[in-house]
Amino acid sequence: MQDSASQSSRPDNQHVDGQRLDKWIWCARLVKTRTLATSLVEAGKIRINGERVRKASRRVRPGDVLTGAHGGRLWVVRVIDSAERRVPPSAVAGLYENLTPGSITERIRS
C-alpha cells in the first residue's frame, strides 16, 4: 500500500517524466482518436522541437513545441501541461499555447 504522500506526488512526476506523445495529442483534442494520433506519429507527421518523431511512446514535456498536420490543417503548439484524461473543449487552453500562424492555417484551408 502506498502512502498518501507518494500518491499525491504522482501528477508532479508526470511533468518530470512527460506524457506519451500520442496520448497527449489525443487528450489535447488535436485529433479525434488516440488511434489516429498514433498513426500520425508513426507516419512521421509530427515533430517535437523540429525533430521528426516516429514513436508514439516518445515523451512530451512542458515547453516542447509540437508541429503536425492532419486533414488539411497545420498546427504548431507549445506544451504547457499534461492531462491524465481527455479534457473538455473548454479546458484545452490549459494544455497548450497555439503558435500556428494564421496565414498558414488560412492557406491550407483554401
C-alpha atoms as a PDB file:
ATOM      1  CA  MET A   1       0.000   0.000   0.000  1.00  0.00           C
ATOM      2  CA  GLN A   2       1.334   3.430  -0.897  1.00  0.00           C
ATOM      3  CA  ASP A   3       1.237   6.323   1.486  1.00  0.00           C
ATOM      4  CA  SER A   4      -0.715   9.450   0.618  1.00  0.00           C
ATOM      5  CA  ALA A   5       2.459  11.481   0.033  1.00  0.00           C
ATOM      6  CA  SER A   6       3.586   9.267  -2.850  1.00  0.00           C
ATOM      7  CA  GLN A   7       0.088   9.218  -4.347  1.00  0.00           C
ATOM      8  CA  SER A   8      -0.209  12.992  -4.260  1.00  0.00           C
ATOM      9  CA  SER A   9       3.200  13.409  -5.902  1.00  0.00           C
ATOM     10  CA  ARG A  10       2.257  11.282  -8.908  1.00  0.00           C
ATOM     11  CA  PRO A  11       0.939  14.192 -11.033  1.00  0.00           C
ATOM     12  CA  ASP A  12       4.163  16.122 -10.364  1.00  0.00           C
ATOM     13  CA  ASN A  13       6.186  13.135 -11.557  1.00  0.00           C
ATOM     14  CA  GLN A  14       4.194  13.156 -14.773  1.00  0.00           C
ATOM     15  CA  HIS A  15       5.648  16.605 -15.558  1.00  0.00           C
ATOM     16  CA  VAL A  16       9.188  15.322 -14.990  1.00  0.00           C
ATOM     17  CA  ASP A  17       8.708  12.092 -16.935  1.00  0.00           C
ATOM     18  CA  GLY A  18       6.425  13.613 -19.529  1.00  0.00           C
ATOM     19  CA  GLN A  19       3.435  12.030 -21.228  1.00  0.00           C
ATOM     20  CA  ARG A  20       3.236   9.754 -24.260  1.00  0.00           C
ATOM     21  CA  LEU A  21       3.049  11.815 -27.432  1.00  0.00           C
ATOM     22  CA  ASP A  22       0.023  10.002 -28.861  1.00  0.00           C
ATOM     23  CA  LYS A  23      -1.910  10.296 -25.615  1.00  0.00           C
ATOM     24  CA  TRP A  24      -1.089  13.995 -25.211  1.00  0.00           C
ATOM     25  CA  ILE A  25      -2.209  14.814 -28.777  1.00  0.00           C
ATOM     26  CA  TRP A  26      -5.497  12.994 -28.154  1.00  0.00           C
ATOM     27  CA  CYS A  27      -6.054  14.475 -24.663  1.00  0.00           C
ATOM     28  CA  ALA A  28      -5.450  17.969 -26.075  1.00  0.00           C
ATOM     29  CA  ARG A  29      -8.117  17.320 -28.736  1.00  0.00           C
ATOM     30  CA  LEU A  30      -5.803  17.946 -31.682  1.00  0.00           C
ATOM     31  CA  VAL A  31      -7.176  14.710 -33.218  1.00  0.00           C
ATOM     32  CA  LYS A  32     -10.410  12.778 -32.652  1.00  0.00           C
ATOM     33  CA  THR A  33      -8.990   9.377 -31.662  1.00  0.00           C
ATOM     34  CA  ARG A  34      -5.884   8.070 -29.973  1.00  0.00           C
ATOM     35  CA  THR A  35      -5.510   5.542 -32.794  1.00  0.00           C
ATOM     36  CA  LEU A  36      -5.335   8.430 -35.259  1.00  0.00           C
ATOM     37  CA  ALA A  37      -2.757  10.167 -33.059  1.00  0.00           C
ATOM     38  CA  THR A  38      -0.633   7.001 -33.043  1.00  0.00           C
ATOM     39  CA  SER A  39      -0.946   6.661 -36.836  1.00  0.00           C
ATOM     40  CA  LEU A  40       0.139  10.265 -37.433  1.00  0.00           C
ATOM     41  CA  VAL A  41       3.189   9.846 -35.213  1.00  0.00           C
ATOM     42  CA  GLU A  42       4.218   6.543 -36.804  1.00  0.00           C
ATOM     43  CA  ALA A  43       3.801   8.089 -40.275  1.00  0.00           C
ATOM     44  CA  GLY A  44       6.296  10.808 -39.302  1.00  0.00           C
ATOM     45  CA  LYS A  45       3.755  13.634 -39.485  1.00  0.00           C
ATOM     46  CA  ILE A  46       4.507  15.001 -36.012  1.00  0.00           C
ATOM     47  CA  ARG A  47       7.615  16.909 -34.934  1.00  0.00           C
ATOM     48  CA  ILE A  48       8.830  17.719 -31.438  1.00  0.00           C
ATOM     49  CA  ASN A  49      11.070  20.791 -31.306  1.00  0.00           C
ATOM     50  CA  GLY A  50      11.623  20.486 -35.065  1.00  0.00           C
ATOM     51  CA  GLU A  51      12.658  16.817 -34.934  1.00  0.00           C
ATOM     52  CA  ARG A  52      10.507  14.265 -36.767  1.00  0.00           C
ATOM     53  CA  VAL A  53       9.215  11.611 -34.369  1.00  0.00           C
ATOM     54  CA  ARG A  54       8.035   8.121 -35.332  1.00  0.00           C
ATOM     55  CA  LYS A  55       7.474   6.592 -31.893  1.00  0.00           C
ATOM     56  CA  ALA A  56       4.116   7.188 -30.236  1.00  0.00           C
ATOM     57  CA  SER A  57       5.711   6.387 -26.872  1.00  0.00           C
ATOM     58  CA  ARG A  58       8.038   9.400 -27.109  1.00  0.00           C
ATOM     59  CA  ARG A  59       7.546  11.648 -24.070  1.00  0.00           C
ATOM     60  CA  VAL A  60       6.459  15.269 -24.335  1.00  0.00           C
ATOM     61  CA  ARG A  61       7.113  17.736 -21.560  1.00  0.00           C
ATOM     62  CA  PRO A  62       6.056  21.310 -20.828  1.00  0.00           C
ATOM     63  CA  GLY A  63       7.966  23.659 -23.123  1.00  0.00           C
ATOM     64  CA  ASP A  64       8.136  21.236 -26.072  1.00  0.00           C
ATOM     65  CA  VAL A  65       6.889  22.648 -29.382  1.00  0.00           C
ATOM     66  CA  LEU A  66       4.834  20.201 -31.453  1.00  0.00           C
ATOM     67  CA  THR A  67       4.154  20.622 -35.148  1.00  0.00           C
ATOM     68  CA  GLY A  68       1.700  18.460 -37.034  1.00  0.00           C
ATOM     69  CA  ALA A  69      -0.687  18.360 -39.946  1.00  0.00           C
ATOM     70  CA  HIS A  70      -3.887  16.440 -40.445  1.00  0.00           C
ATOM     71  CA  GLY A  71      -6.968  16.893 -42.592  1.00  0.00           C
ATOM     72  CA  GLY A  72      -5.626  19.969 -44.367  1.00  0.00           C
ATOM     73  CA  ARG A  73      -4.893  21.683 -41.067  1.00  0.00           C
ATOM     74  CA  LEU A  74      -1.427  22.591 -39.812  1.00  0.00           C
ATOM     75  CA  TRP A  75      -0.924  23.180 -36.098  1.00  0.00           C
ATOM     76  CA  VAL A  76       2.010  24.361 -34.040  1.00  0.00           C
ATOM     77  CA  VAL A  77       1.596  24.260 -30.264  1.00  0.00           C
ATOM     78  CA  ARG A  78       3.771  24.686 -27.177  1.00  0.00           C
ATOM     79  CA  VAL A  79       3.014  22.139 -24.459  1.00  0.00           C
ATOM     80  CA  ILE A  80       2.035  23.815 -21.183  1.00  0.00           C
ATOM     81  CA  ASP A  81       0.689  20.873 -19.197  1.00  0.00           C
ATOM     82  CA  SER A  82      -0.276  17.217 -19.426  1.00  0.00           C
ATOM     83  CA  ALA A  83      -3.596  15.529 -18.692  1.00  0.00           C
ATOM     84  CA  GLU A  84      -4.436  12.081 -17.412  1.00  0.00           C
ATOM     85  CA  ARG A  85      -7.706  12.064 -19.377  1.00  0.00           C
ATOM     86  CA  ARG A  86      -9.088  13.766 -22.443  1.00  0.00           C
ATOM     87  CA  VAL A  87     -10.140  17.258 -21.442  1.00  0.00           C
ATOM     88  CA  PRO A  88     -13.363  19.031 -22.440  1.00  0.00           C
ATOM     89  CA  PRO A  89     -13.020  21.539 -25.290  1.00  0.00           C
ATOM     90  CA  SER A  90     -13.277  24.424 -22.830  1.00  0.00           C
ATOM     91  CA  ALA A  91     -10.148  23.219 -20.986  1.00  0.00           C
ATOM     92  CA  VAL A  92      -7.699  22.703 -23.864  1.00  0.00           C
ATOM     93  CA  ALA A  93      -6.254  26.200 -23.415  1.00  0.00           C
ATOM     94  CA  GLY A  94      -4.637  24.962 -20.211  1.00  0.00           C
ATOM     95  CA  LEU A  95      -2.717  22.239 -22.068  1.00  0.00           C
ATOM     96  CA  TYR A  96      -1.057  24.195 -24.862  1.00  0.00           C
ATOM     97  CA  GLU A  97      -0.324  27.575 -26.379  1.00  0.00           C
ATOM     98  CA  ASN A  98      -1.335  27.811 -30.033  1.00  0.00           C
ATOM     99  CA  LEU A  99       1.609  29.080 -32.095  1.00  0.00           C
ATOM    100  CA  THR A 100       0.062  28.346 -35.512  1.00  0.00           C
ATOM    101  CA  PRO A 101       0.468  31.373 -37.771  1.00  0.00           C
ATOM    102  CA  GLY A 102      -2.951  32.489 -39.041  1.00  0.00           C
ATOM    103  CA  SER A 103      -1.842  32.913 -42.636  1.00  0.00           C
ATOM    104  CA  ILE A 104      -0.619  29.314 -42.856  1.00  0.00           C
ATOM    105  CA  THR A 105      -3.883  27.981 -41.484  1.00  0.00           C
ATOM    106  CA  GLU A 106      -5.889  30.022 -43.997  1.00  0.00           C
ATOM    107  CA  ARG A 107      -3.686  28.936 -46.942  1.00  0.00           C
ATOM    108  CA  ILE A 108      -4.146  25.264 -46.144  1.00  0.00           C
ATOM    109  CA  ARG A 109      -7.938  25.633 -45.889  1.00  0.00           C
ATOM    110  CA  SER A 110      -8.245  27.240 -49.320  1.00  0.00           C
END
